[in-house]
Amino acid sequence: MSDYTNETGKPAGLPEKIQHYINGTFVDSIDGDTFEVLNPVTNQPYITAASGKKEDIEAAVAAATDAFKNGPWPGMLPRERARVLTKIADIVESREQQLAEMESYDSGLPITQAKGQARRAAENFRFFADLIVAQSDDTFKVPGRQVNYVNRKPIGVAGLITPWNTPFMLESWKLAPALATGNTVVLKPAEFTPLSASLWAGIFEEAGLPAGVFNLVNGFGETAGDALVKHPDVPLISFTGESKTGQIIFANSAPFLKGLSMELGGKSPAVVFEDADLETAINATIFGVFSLNGERCTAGSRILVQRSIYDEFVERYAAQAKRVKVGLPSDPATEVGALVHPEHFEKVMSYVEIGKTEGRLVAGGGRPEGFEEGNFVQPTVFADVAPDARIFQEEIFGPVVAITPFDTDEEALELANNTKYGLAAYLWTSNLQRAHNFSHAVEAGMVWLNSNNVRDLRTPFGGVKASGLGHEGGYRSIDFYTDQQAVHINLGEVHNPVFGKAD
């Protein structure tokens, strides 16, 4: 059962303060600066975190560089690194309750959903432990003349910049492959949610990760994040966050020709055809936009419904949205908790007000009853939303959905592709030919057919258009975090033209 110590879900074992972790030691900022971290349920500060600056990033990068050049980690056999990663996974699983409670308290995620994120984080480490042991690379032979093979090498210090939605799990997405391939890392977690990231240090120490391989600097994107992106000794940046920040990172890393992997925003369509299993489609699209408080990049936040079933769909969807339980994140019955931060709450509520001028409000539209403080928003549904509406085009990142009708397959495809984003798409139909043709034509990095967002870790994760640059997941992560060196070996007589040959 829970170790919560009060009705707002404050977890036991909170540290006195959140520090950086550099070269195996918890440290304050060099200039002593801190910032307050807020509890989303009350918006009151509950802890302070060290606020990293350029000097702190330089110290972390120096430690990571030394560990890469002089430490054992990059040169260890894949099996040896895999053993450490497997231990990490075991420890994460054993601390599932503590991790979930801290994640829920810090981010406002419902406790039951936070538990799922902890389990997924462990699975990420277990997956890449298996992958680096089983991995094989290309070899090409020209019999009797030449053998060519690919030699993979870790690149160096990887800069990892992670978001505040499901922070612990999304940190594991980057940490696991970066470490598995022999790199060292500097992690800059989101300033809204630094609590669960602080747990990685103890987990890694217990698992036997050498000092300096993992380093963490808390702080703001404009200071710590900017310094990490611009550091000349950090050849890789993996970033998950909003598209505007991605553009800034792209520009700031360009002078250094860094390797970039960026998973950015989304405004993903969920397309429901008249031959869909309606109940299943409604259940999936409710979950797809209201789970994780709607704070998910792959949320199906634009639902496109064929006109013959549109009225029934809207009526049933709105009724079900009204039954979604908003509550304290610590309550196991809660389905939508508190948004992460008052700044984000104000952004989401501003879109709710915009939506009231752009669509027909059929559910929600304000604060839930009994929650006068904190960042609580009713699950909100707008119907009859025009394709040029802001709530149709712009990422809201909260429990707000726009529903729009269509008549033909061609119109559905046009509407689905009618945004600057292209991360995910969901399609509900019993027509197999339509399912494949539509999924191939839709502008999205990932498509789910008659399914909610259930992802196999072997598959590529990423988007097109404004939703991202590059892919991670499975072997794509191995590609990003390693240099691929082609080695050519001559087996016979050397056949090459001779210039300047003597008479």
Protein backbone atom coordinates (compact mmCIF):
# COMPACT_ATOMS: atom_id res chain seq x y z
CA MET A 1 0.00 0.00 0.00
CA SER A 2 0.95 3.65 -0.27
CA ASP A 3 3.43 5.34 2.02
CA TYR A 4 1.70 8.70 1.56
CA THR A 5 1.81 10.82 4.70
CA ASN A 6 -1.16 13.14 4.13
CA GLU A 7 -4.29 13.59 2.09
CA THR A 8 -2.53 15.50 -0.71
CA GLY A 9 -0.28 12.54 -1.42
CA LYS A 10 3.03 13.87 -0.09
CA PRO A 11 5.37 10.89 -0.36
CA ALA A 12 7.60 9.68 2.39
CA GLY A 13 11.34 10.00 1.88
CA LEU A 14 11.40 13.40 0.19
CA PRO A 15 14.92 14.88 0.18
CA GLU A 16 15.53 18.17 1.96
CA LYS A 17 16.53 19.75 -1.36
CA ILE A 18 17.22 18.72 -4.93
CA GLN A 19 20.85 19.02 -5.98
CA HIS A 20 22.91 18.43 -9.09
CA TYR A 21 24.79 15.15 -9.40
CA ILE A 22 28.26 15.53 -10.90
CA ASN A 23 31.05 12.95 -11.00
CA GLY A 24 29.35 10.73 -8.44
CA THR A 25 28.55 13.46 -5.90
CA PHE A 26 25.47 15.52 -5.07
CA VAL A 27 26.39 19.21 -5.25
CA ASP A 28 24.75 22.63 -5.06
CA SER A 29 25.04 25.15 -7.88
CA ILE A 30 28.44 26.84 -8.02
CA ASP A 31 26.76 30.21 -7.47
CA GLY A 32 24.41 28.78 -4.84
CA ASP A 33 21.28 29.69 -6.83
CA THR A 34 18.06 27.69 -6.36
CA PHE A 35 14.47 27.72 -7.59
CA GLU A 36 11.23 26.62 -5.98
CA VAL A 37 9.33 23.53 -7.11
CA LEU A 38 5.54 23.68 -6.82
CA ASN A 39 3.01 21.03 -5.84
CA PRO A 40 0.41 21.05 -8.67
CA VAL A 41 -2.45 20.32 -6.24
CA THR A 42 -1.87 23.49 -4.20
CA ASN A 43 0.63 25.48 -6.30
CA GLN A 44 2.62 25.94 -3.11
CA PRO A 45 6.39 25.39 -3.14
CA TYR A 46 7.38 22.17 -1.40
CA ILE A 47 11.12 21.92 -2.13
CA THR A 48 13.99 23.91 -3.65
CA ALA A 49 16.20 22.72 -6.48
CA ALA A 50 19.69 23.80 -7.44
CA SER A 51 19.53 26.13 -10.44
CA GLY A 52 22.28 25.21 -12.87
CA LYS A 53 24.15 27.70 -15.00
CA LYS A 54 26.94 27.54 -17.56
CA GLU A 55 29.56 26.81 -14.88
CA ASP A 56 27.59 23.83 -13.56
CA ILE A 57 27.16 22.43 -17.06
CA GLU A 58 30.89 22.85 -17.66
CA ALA A 59 31.66 20.86 -14.50
CA ALA A 60 29.24 18.10 -15.51
CA VAL A 61 30.60 17.92 -19.07
CA ALA A 62 34.17 17.82 -17.75
CA ALA A 63 33.27 14.86 -15.52
CA ALA A 64 31.47 13.07 -18.35
CA THR A 65 34.36 13.73 -20.74
CA ASP A 66 36.91 12.34 -18.30
CA ALA A 67 34.75 9.27 -17.68
CA PHE A 68 34.49 8.71 -21.44
CA LYS A 69 38.18 9.17 -22.19
CA ASN A 70 39.71 7.58 -19.10
CA GLY A 71 37.00 5.49 -17.45
CA PRO A 72 36.08 1.84 -18.04
CA TRP A 73 32.53 2.31 -19.33
CA PRO A 74 33.05 2.85 -23.09
CA GLY A 75 35.49 -0.05 -23.35
CA MET A 76 33.44 -2.60 -21.44
CA LEU A 77 32.05 -5.59 -23.30
CA PRO A 78 28.37 -5.25 -24.24
CA ARG A 79 27.55 -8.10 -21.85
CA GLU A 80 29.24 -6.24 -18.98
CA ARG A 81 27.29 -3.06 -19.64
CA ALA A 82 24.12 -5.12 -20.06
CA ARG A 83 24.55 -6.56 -16.57
CA VAL A 84 24.59 -3.03 -15.13
CA LEU A 85 21.53 -2.03 -17.15
CA THR A 86 19.67 -5.13 -15.99
CA LYS A 87 20.47 -4.25 -12.37
CA ILE A 88 19.14 -0.75 -13.02
CA ALA A 89 15.89 -2.24 -14.32
CA ASP A 90 15.61 -4.52 -11.29
CA ILE A 91 16.12 -1.62 -8.87
CA VAL A 92 13.59 0.59 -10.68
CA GLU A 93 11.03 -2.22 -10.48
CA SER A 94 11.71 -2.75 -6.79
CA ARG A 95 11.13 0.97 -6.13
CA GLU A 96 8.01 1.25 -8.27
CA GLN A 97 5.84 2.55 -5.44
CA GLN A 98 8.29 5.24 -4.33
CA LEU A 99 8.94 6.35 -7.91
CA ALA A 100 5.24 6.50 -8.70
CA GLU A 101 4.44 8.49 -5.56
CA MET A 102 7.18 11.04 -6.23
CA GLU A 103 6.24 11.30 -9.90
CA SER A 104 2.56 11.77 -9.05
CA TYR A 105 3.26 14.35 -6.35
CA ASP A 106 5.69 16.32 -8.51
CA SER A 107 3.80 16.25 -11.82
CA GLY A 108 0.11 15.86 -10.86
CA LEU A 109 -0.23 12.56 -12.75
CA PRO A 110 -2.78 10.12 -11.30
CA ILE A 111 -0.97 7.61 -9.12
CA THR A 112 -2.19 4.57 -11.08
CA GLN A 113 -0.81 6.02 -14.32
CA ALA A 114 2.46 7.00 -12.63
CA LYS A 115 2.94 3.36 -11.63
CA GLY A 116 2.68 2.36 -15.26
CA GLN A 117 5.38 4.86 -16.17
CA ALA A 118 7.75 3.40 -13.56
CA ARG A 119 7.27 -0.08 -14.99
CA ARG A 120 7.88 1.20 -18.50
CA ALA A 121 11.10 2.90 -17.38
CA ALA A 122 12.42 -0.42 -16.09
CA GLU A 123 11.43 -2.12 -19.33
CA ASN A 124 13.41 0.46 -21.35
CA PHE A 125 16.62 -0.49 -19.53
CA ARG A 126 15.92 -4.21 -19.82
CA PHE A 127 15.19 -3.86 -23.52
CA PHE A 128 18.47 -2.09 -24.35
CA ALA A 129 20.44 -4.48 -22.14
CA ASP A 130 19.13 -7.30 -24.32
CA LEU A 131 19.59 -5.36 -27.56
CA ILE A 132 23.28 -4.54 -27.18
CA VAL A 133 24.11 -8.17 -26.40
CA ALA A 134 22.11 -9.54 -29.34
CA GLN A 135 23.09 -6.79 -31.77
CA SER A 136 24.88 -7.71 -34.98
CA ASP A 137 26.31 -5.43 -37.63
CA ASP A 138 26.75 -5.63 -41.37
CA THR A 139 29.59 -7.58 -42.95
CA PHE A 140 30.12 -7.65 -46.74
CA LYS A 141 32.46 -10.06 -48.50
CA VAL A 142 34.03 -10.10 -51.93
CA PRO A 143 35.36 -13.70 -51.95
CA GLY A 144 39.13 -13.85 -52.14
CA ARG A 145 39.47 -10.10 -52.47
CA GLN A 146 37.96 -8.09 -49.63
CA VAL A 147 36.00 -8.14 -46.36
CA ASN A 148 34.11 -5.06 -45.23
CA TYR A 149 32.46 -4.70 -41.85
CA VAL A 150 30.86 -2.05 -39.66
CA ASN A 151 32.50 -1.16 -36.36
CA ARG A 152 30.25 0.76 -33.96
CA LYS A 153 31.79 3.11 -31.43
CA PRO A 154 30.25 5.27 -28.69
CA ILE A 155 30.41 8.93 -29.62
CA GLY A 156 31.16 10.70 -26.34
CA VAL A 157 29.12 12.90 -24.04
CA ALA A 158 25.39 12.84 -24.82
CA GLY A 159 23.33 15.85 -23.72
CA LEU A 160 19.82 14.72 -22.74
CA ILE A 161 17.08 17.34 -22.30
CA THR A 162 13.80 15.89 -21.09
CA PRO A 163 10.23 17.18 -20.61
CA TRP A 164 7.93 17.41 -17.59
CA ASN A 165 5.23 15.00 -18.76
CA THR A 166 5.98 11.47 -17.50
CA PRO A 167 9.51 12.71 -16.73
CA PHE A 168 11.05 9.57 -15.19
CA MET A 169 9.91 7.30 -18.00
CA LEU A 170 10.95 9.73 -20.74
CA GLU A 171 14.36 10.13 -19.11
CA SER A 172 14.74 6.34 -19.29
CA TRP A 173 14.02 6.46 -23.04
CA LYS A 174 17.21 8.46 -23.53
CA LEU A 175 19.38 7.23 -20.66
CA ALA A 176 19.04 3.53 -21.47
CA PRO A 177 20.30 3.57 -25.09
CA ALA A 178 22.88 6.31 -24.45
CA LEU A 179 24.44 4.30 -21.62
CA ALA A 180 23.97 0.92 -23.30
CA THR A 181 26.10 2.00 -26.25
CA GLY A 182 28.96 3.18 -24.03
CA ASN A 183 28.43 6.93 -23.98
CA THR A 184 28.52 9.14 -20.91
CA VAL A 185 25.69 11.58 -20.29
CA VAL A 186 24.63 14.92 -18.87
CA LEU A 187 20.89 15.02 -18.14
CA LYS A 188 19.00 18.31 -17.87
CA PRO A 189 15.49 17.47 -16.64
CA ALA A 190 12.53 19.83 -16.92
CA GLU A 191 12.49 22.50 -14.23
CA PHE A 192 8.79 21.90 -13.45
CA THR A 193 9.46 18.27 -12.40
CA PRO A 194 12.98 17.67 -11.06
CA LEU A 195 12.05 15.33 -8.20
CA SER A 196 12.01 11.89 -9.80
CA ALA A 197 15.15 12.63 -11.86
CA SER A 198 17.06 13.02 -8.60
CA LEU A 199 16.42 9.32 -7.90
CA TRP A 200 18.50 8.14 -10.86
CA ALA A 201 21.79 8.83 -9.06
CA GLY A 202 21.15 6.40 -6.23
CA ILE A 203 19.79 3.78 -8.62
CA PHE A 204 22.86 4.01 -10.85
CA GLU A 205 25.28 3.92 -7.91
CA GLU A 206 23.63 0.81 -6.52
CA ALA A 207 23.75 -0.87 -9.94
CA GLY A 208 27.50 -0.23 -10.26
CA LEU A 209 27.62 2.50 -12.91
CA PRO A 210 31.08 4.13 -12.70
CA ALA A 211 31.30 7.70 -11.38
CA GLY A 212 31.14 10.39 -14.05
CA VAL A 213 29.19 8.28 -16.53
CA PHE A 214 25.90 9.83 -15.41
CA ASN A 215 25.67 13.51 -14.50
CA LEU A 216 22.60 15.63 -13.79
CA VAL A 217 22.21 19.40 -13.81
CA ASN A 218 18.87 20.94 -12.85
CA GLY A 219 17.81 24.33 -14.10
CA PHE A 220 16.03 26.29 -16.77
CA GLY A 221 16.23 25.84 -20.51
CA GLU A 222 17.47 29.38 -21.02
CA THR A 223 20.48 28.78 -18.76
CA ALA A 224 21.38 25.14 -18.12
CA GLY A 225 19.78 23.78 -21.29
CA ASP A 226 21.28 26.49 -23.47
CA ALA A 227 24.76 25.92 -22.03
CA LEU A 228 24.49 22.17 -22.67
CA VAL A 229 23.40 22.67 -26.28
CA LYS A 230 26.25 25.14 -26.94
CA HIS A 231 29.00 23.16 -25.20
CA PRO A 232 31.67 22.22 -27.75
CA ASP A 233 32.45 18.91 -25.98
CA VAL A 234 28.88 17.59 -26.25
CA PRO A 235 28.52 16.05 -29.73
CA LEU A 236 24.97 14.70 -29.25
CA ILE A 237 21.75 16.34 -28.12
CA SER A 238 18.54 14.36 -27.62
CA PHE A 239 15.59 16.62 -26.85
CA THR A 240 11.92 16.02 -26.17
CA GLY A 241 9.71 19.09 -25.86
CA GLU A 242 7.77 21.70 -27.75
CA SER A 243 8.51 22.58 -31.36
CA LYS A 244 9.51 26.22 -30.73
CA THR A 245 12.19 25.11 -28.27
CA GLY A 246 13.32 22.52 -30.79
CA GLN A 247 13.86 25.27 -33.36
CA ILE A 248 16.04 27.19 -30.90
CA ILE A 249 18.10 24.08 -30.13
CA PHE A 250 18.46 23.37 -33.84
CA ALA A 251 19.84 26.87 -34.44
CA ASN A 252 22.13 26.91 -31.41
CA SER A 253 23.65 23.52 -32.16
CA ALA A 254 24.23 24.23 -35.86
CA PRO A 255 27.64 25.94 -35.44
CA PHE A 256 28.92 22.77 -33.73
CA LEU A 257 27.35 20.34 -36.25
CA LYS A 258 25.97 18.25 -33.40
CA GLY A 259 23.98 15.10 -33.84
CA LEU A 260 20.34 15.90 -33.06
CA SER A 261 17.34 13.79 -32.17
CA MET A 262 14.24 15.84 -31.42
CA GLU A 263 10.77 14.61 -30.57
CA LEU A 264 8.59 17.69 -30.64
CA GLY A 265 4.92 18.66 -30.49
CA GLY A 266 1.86 17.01 -31.93
CA LYS A 267 -1.76 17.60 -32.89
CA SER A 268 -2.58 14.04 -33.77
CA PRO A 269 -5.78 13.04 -35.58
CA ALA A 270 -8.00 10.14 -34.55
CA VAL A 271 -10.13 9.27 -37.59
CA VAL A 272 -13.34 7.31 -36.96
CA PHE A 273 -15.11 5.88 -40.02
CA GLU A 274 -18.74 4.79 -40.08
CA ASP A 275 -17.74 1.10 -40.20
CA ALA A 276 -15.71 1.33 -36.96
CA ASP A 277 -16.58 -0.49 -33.76
CA LEU A 278 -18.07 2.63 -32.21
CA GLU A 279 -17.85 1.68 -28.55
CA THR A 280 -14.22 0.64 -28.85
CA ALA A 281 -13.38 3.80 -30.80
CA ILE A 282 -15.04 6.01 -28.18
CA ASN A 283 -13.25 4.26 -25.32
CA ALA A 284 -9.90 4.55 -27.09
CA THR A 285 -10.30 8.19 -28.08
CA ILE A 286 -11.42 9.13 -24.56
CA PHE A 287 -8.30 7.46 -23.18
CA GLY A 288 -6.14 8.89 -25.95
CA VAL A 289 -6.74 12.51 -24.99
CA PHE A 290 -7.55 12.38 -21.27
CA SER A 291 -4.96 9.89 -20.00
CA LEU A 292 -1.82 11.44 -18.49
CA ASN A 293 -3.95 14.57 -17.93
CA GLY A 294 -3.89 15.17 -21.68
CA GLU A 295 -0.24 16.13 -21.32
CA ARG A 296 1.07 13.75 -23.96
CA CYS A 297 2.67 14.51 -27.30
CA THR A 298 0.83 11.66 -29.05
CA ALA A 299 -2.64 12.60 -27.73
CA GLY A 300 -5.38 12.14 -30.35
CA SER A 301 -6.60 15.66 -29.72
CA ARG A 302 -8.38 16.08 -33.08
CA ILE A 303 -11.13 13.52 -33.59
CA LEU A 304 -12.45 13.32 -37.15
CA VAL A 305 -15.75 11.45 -37.41
CA GLN A 306 -17.68 10.38 -40.53
CA ARG A 307 -20.91 12.35 -40.78
CA SER A 308 -23.29 9.37 -40.80
CA ILE A 309 -22.26 8.51 -37.22
CA TYR A 310 -21.17 12.00 -36.14
CA ASP A 311 -24.17 13.00 -34.00
CA GLU A 312 -24.23 9.68 -32.14
CA PHE A 313 -20.49 9.79 -31.61
CA VAL A 314 -20.52 13.34 -30.21
CA GLU A 315 -23.42 12.59 -27.87
CA ARG A 316 -21.86 9.42 -26.49
CA TYR A 317 -18.36 10.89 -26.34
CA ALA A 318 -19.50 13.98 -24.44
CA ALA A 319 -21.50 11.89 -21.96
CA GLN A 320 -18.50 9.66 -21.29
CA ALA A 321 -16.11 12.63 -20.97
CA LYS A 322 -18.38 14.06 -18.27
CA ARG A 323 -17.97 10.80 -16.33
CA VAL A 324 -14.16 10.89 -16.39
CA LYS A 325 -13.11 11.24 -12.77
CA VAL A 326 -11.07 14.31 -11.91
CA GLY A 327 -9.44 14.06 -8.50
CA LEU A 328 -6.36 14.23 -6.35
CA PRO A 329 -3.38 12.58 -8.04
CA SER A 330 -2.92 10.41 -4.94
CA ASP A 331 -6.41 8.87 -5.24
CA PRO A 332 -6.29 5.50 -7.07
CA ALA A 333 -9.75 6.24 -8.53
CA THR A 334 -8.56 9.46 -10.22
CA GLU A 335 -8.42 9.41 -14.02
CA VAL A 336 -7.42 13.07 -14.58
CA GLY A 337 -5.28 14.76 -11.93
CA ALA A 338 -3.74 18.23 -11.74
CA LEU A 339 -1.89 19.88 -14.61
CA VAL A 340 1.80 20.23 -13.95
CA HIS A 341 2.21 23.96 -13.22
CA PRO A 342 0.14 27.17 -12.97
CA GLU A 343 1.79 28.55 -16.13
CA HIS A 344 0.64 25.53 -18.08
CA PHE A 345 -2.79 25.63 -16.42
CA GLU A 346 -3.24 29.22 -17.61
CA LYS A 347 -2.23 28.22 -21.15
CA VAL A 348 -4.72 25.33 -21.27
CA MET A 349 -7.53 27.45 -19.80
CA SER A 350 -6.87 30.18 -22.36
CA TYR A 351 -7.44 27.60 -25.10
CA VAL A 352 -10.66 26.51 -23.40
CA GLU A 353 -11.89 30.09 -23.63
CA ILE A 354 -10.78 30.33 -27.26
CA GLY A 355 -12.62 27.07 -27.95
CA LYS A 356 -15.88 28.52 -26.67
CA THR A 357 -15.76 30.96 -29.61
CA GLU A 358 -14.63 28.34 -32.15
CA GLY A 359 -16.74 25.27 -31.43
CA ARG A 360 -19.78 23.91 -29.63
CA LEU A 361 -18.92 23.11 -26.01
CA VAL A 362 -20.47 19.72 -25.19
CA ALA A 363 -18.50 18.78 -22.03
CA GLY A 364 -16.36 20.50 -19.43
CA GLY A 365 -15.12 24.00 -20.06
CA GLY A 366 -13.84 25.08 -16.64
CA ARG A 367 -12.66 24.03 -13.22
CA PRO A 368 -14.22 20.90 -11.73
CA GLU A 369 -16.45 21.40 -8.71
CA GLY A 370 -14.67 21.25 -5.37
CA PHE A 371 -11.21 22.14 -6.74
CA GLU A 372 -10.91 25.88 -6.24
CA GLU A 373 -7.10 25.79 -6.02
CA GLY A 374 -4.48 23.89 -7.93
CA ASN A 375 -4.29 23.12 -11.64
CA PHE A 376 -7.48 21.14 -12.17
CA VAL A 377 -9.34 21.26 -15.51
CA GLN A 378 -12.55 19.48 -16.45
CA PRO A 379 -12.20 17.11 -19.41
CA THR A 380 -13.37 19.47 -22.15
CA VAL A 381 -14.93 18.56 -25.49
CA PHE A 382 -15.69 20.88 -28.41
CA ALA A 383 -17.75 19.68 -31.39
CA ASP A 384 -18.27 21.19 -34.86
CA VAL A 385 -14.75 22.64 -34.89
CA ALA A 386 -13.65 24.18 -38.20
CA PRO A 387 -10.30 23.13 -39.68
CA ASP A 388 -8.89 26.67 -39.42
CA ALA A 389 -9.78 27.02 -35.72
CA ARG A 390 -6.89 27.53 -33.32
CA ILE A 391 -8.05 24.61 -31.15
CA PHE A 392 -7.87 22.43 -34.30
CA GLN A 393 -4.42 23.67 -35.35
CA GLU A 394 -2.46 24.40 -32.17
CA GLU A 395 -1.13 22.02 -29.54
CA ILE A 396 -3.00 22.53 -26.25
CA PHE A 397 -1.35 19.71 -24.25
CA GLY A 398 -4.19 19.27 -21.82
CA PRO A 399 -7.55 17.47 -21.42
CA VAL A 400 -9.17 19.34 -24.33
CA VAL A 401 -10.39 17.76 -27.57
CA ALA A 402 -11.83 19.06 -30.85
CA ILE A 403 -14.30 16.94 -32.89
CA THR A 404 -14.89 17.63 -36.59
CA PRO A 405 -17.11 15.84 -39.16
CA PHE A 406 -16.09 14.57 -42.59
CA ASP A 407 -17.90 12.91 -45.49
CA THR A 408 -15.39 11.06 -47.67
CA ASP A 409 -12.06 9.27 -47.28
CA GLU A 410 -10.41 12.05 -49.27
CA GLU A 411 -11.79 14.74 -46.97
CA ALA A 412 -10.72 12.77 -43.89
CA LEU A 413 -7.17 12.54 -45.21
CA GLU A 414 -7.10 16.25 -46.05
CA LEU A 415 -8.29 17.15 -42.55
CA ALA A 416 -5.86 14.74 -40.91
CA ASN A 417 -2.91 16.28 -42.73
CA ASN A 418 -4.10 19.86 -42.26
CA THR A 419 -1.69 20.91 -39.48
CA LYS A 420 2.00 21.72 -39.22
CA TYR A 421 2.45 18.67 -36.97
CA GLY A 422 2.89 15.02 -37.90
CA LEU A 423 3.64 12.85 -34.89
CA ALA A 424 0.90 10.23 -34.55
CA ALA A 425 -2.39 9.23 -36.17
CA TYR A 426 -5.12 6.82 -35.11
CA LEU A 427 -7.53 5.14 -37.51
CA TRP A 428 -10.75 3.29 -36.69
CA THR A 429 -12.30 1.23 -39.49
CA SER A 430 -13.14 -2.37 -40.34
CA ASN A 431 -12.10 -1.90 -43.99
CA LEU A 432 -8.62 -3.41 -44.33
CA GLN A 433 -7.85 -1.80 -47.68
CA ARG A 434 -8.84 1.65 -46.38
CA ALA A 435 -6.82 1.11 -43.21
CA HIS A 436 -3.58 0.47 -45.06
CA ASN A 437 -4.04 3.06 -47.80
CA PHE A 438 -5.00 5.77 -45.33
CA SER A 439 -2.16 4.97 -42.95
CA HIS A 440 0.36 5.14 -45.80
CA ALA A 441 -0.97 8.51 -46.98
CA VAL A 442 -1.33 10.24 -43.61
CA GLU A 443 1.51 12.58 -42.65
CA ALA A 444 2.53 11.03 -39.33
CA GLY A 445 5.61 9.30 -37.99
CA MET A 446 3.49 6.66 -36.24
CA VAL A 447 0.06 5.24 -37.05
CA TRP A 448 -2.14 3.03 -34.90
CA LEU A 449 -4.88 1.05 -36.67
CA ASN A 450 -7.86 0.09 -34.49
CA SER A 451 -5.62 0.55 -31.46
CA ASN A 452 -4.75 3.11 -28.85
CA ASN A 453 -1.15 4.12 -28.22
CA VAL A 454 0.52 0.78 -27.52
CA ARG A 455 4.12 0.84 -28.71
CA ASP A 456 6.58 -1.97 -29.28
CA LEU A 457 10.02 -0.79 -28.08
CA ARG A 458 11.64 -2.22 -31.23
CA THR A 459 9.82 0.25 -33.48
CA PRO A 460 11.00 3.76 -34.45
CA PHE A 461 9.56 6.67 -32.47
CA GLY A 462 9.47 10.07 -34.13
CA GLY A 463 7.49 12.46 -36.25
CA VAL A 464 7.49 14.41 -39.49
CA LYS A 465 6.99 18.10 -40.26
CA ALA A 466 7.07 20.20 -37.06
CA SER A 467 6.85 17.10 -34.87
CA GLY A 468 10.46 16.11 -34.91
CA LEU A 469 13.82 15.37 -36.41
CA GLY A 470 15.17 11.83 -36.51
CA HIS A 471 13.93 8.70 -34.79
CA GLU A 472 14.79 6.79 -31.64
CA GLY A 473 13.62 3.39 -30.46
CA GLY A 474 15.14 -0.02 -31.10
CA TYR A 475 18.05 -0.03 -33.55
CA ARG A 476 17.37 3.63 -34.42
CA SER A 477 18.57 4.55 -30.93
CA ILE A 478 21.70 2.45 -31.45
CA ASP A 479 22.28 4.33 -34.72
CA PHE A 480 21.92 7.72 -33.04
CA TYR A 481 24.18 7.03 -30.08
CA THR A 482 27.02 5.37 -32.03
CA ASP A 483 29.43 6.23 -34.82
CA GLN A 484 29.35 3.67 -37.61
CA GLN A 485 32.83 3.08 -38.95
CA ALA A 486 33.31 1.12 -42.16
CA VAL A 487 36.42 -1.08 -42.05
CA HIS A 488 37.80 -2.52 -45.31
CA ILE A 489 40.31 -5.41 -45.39
CA ASN A 490 42.15 -6.54 -48.50
CA LEU A 491 42.49 -10.33 -48.80
CA GLY A 492 44.49 -10.71 -51.99
CA GLU A 493 46.70 -8.84 -54.35
CA VAL A 494 46.30 -5.10 -54.09
CA HIS A 495 44.58 -3.88 -57.25
CA ASN A 496 45.09 -0.18 -57.69
CA PRO A 497 46.41 2.14 -60.41
CA VAL A 498 50.02 3.20 -59.95
CA PHE A 499 50.78 6.86 -60.59
CA GLY A 500 54.33 8.04 -61.18
CA LYS A 501 55.63 4.60 -62.09
CA ALA A 502 59.30 4.47 -63.05
CA ASP A 503 60.15 3.49 -66.64
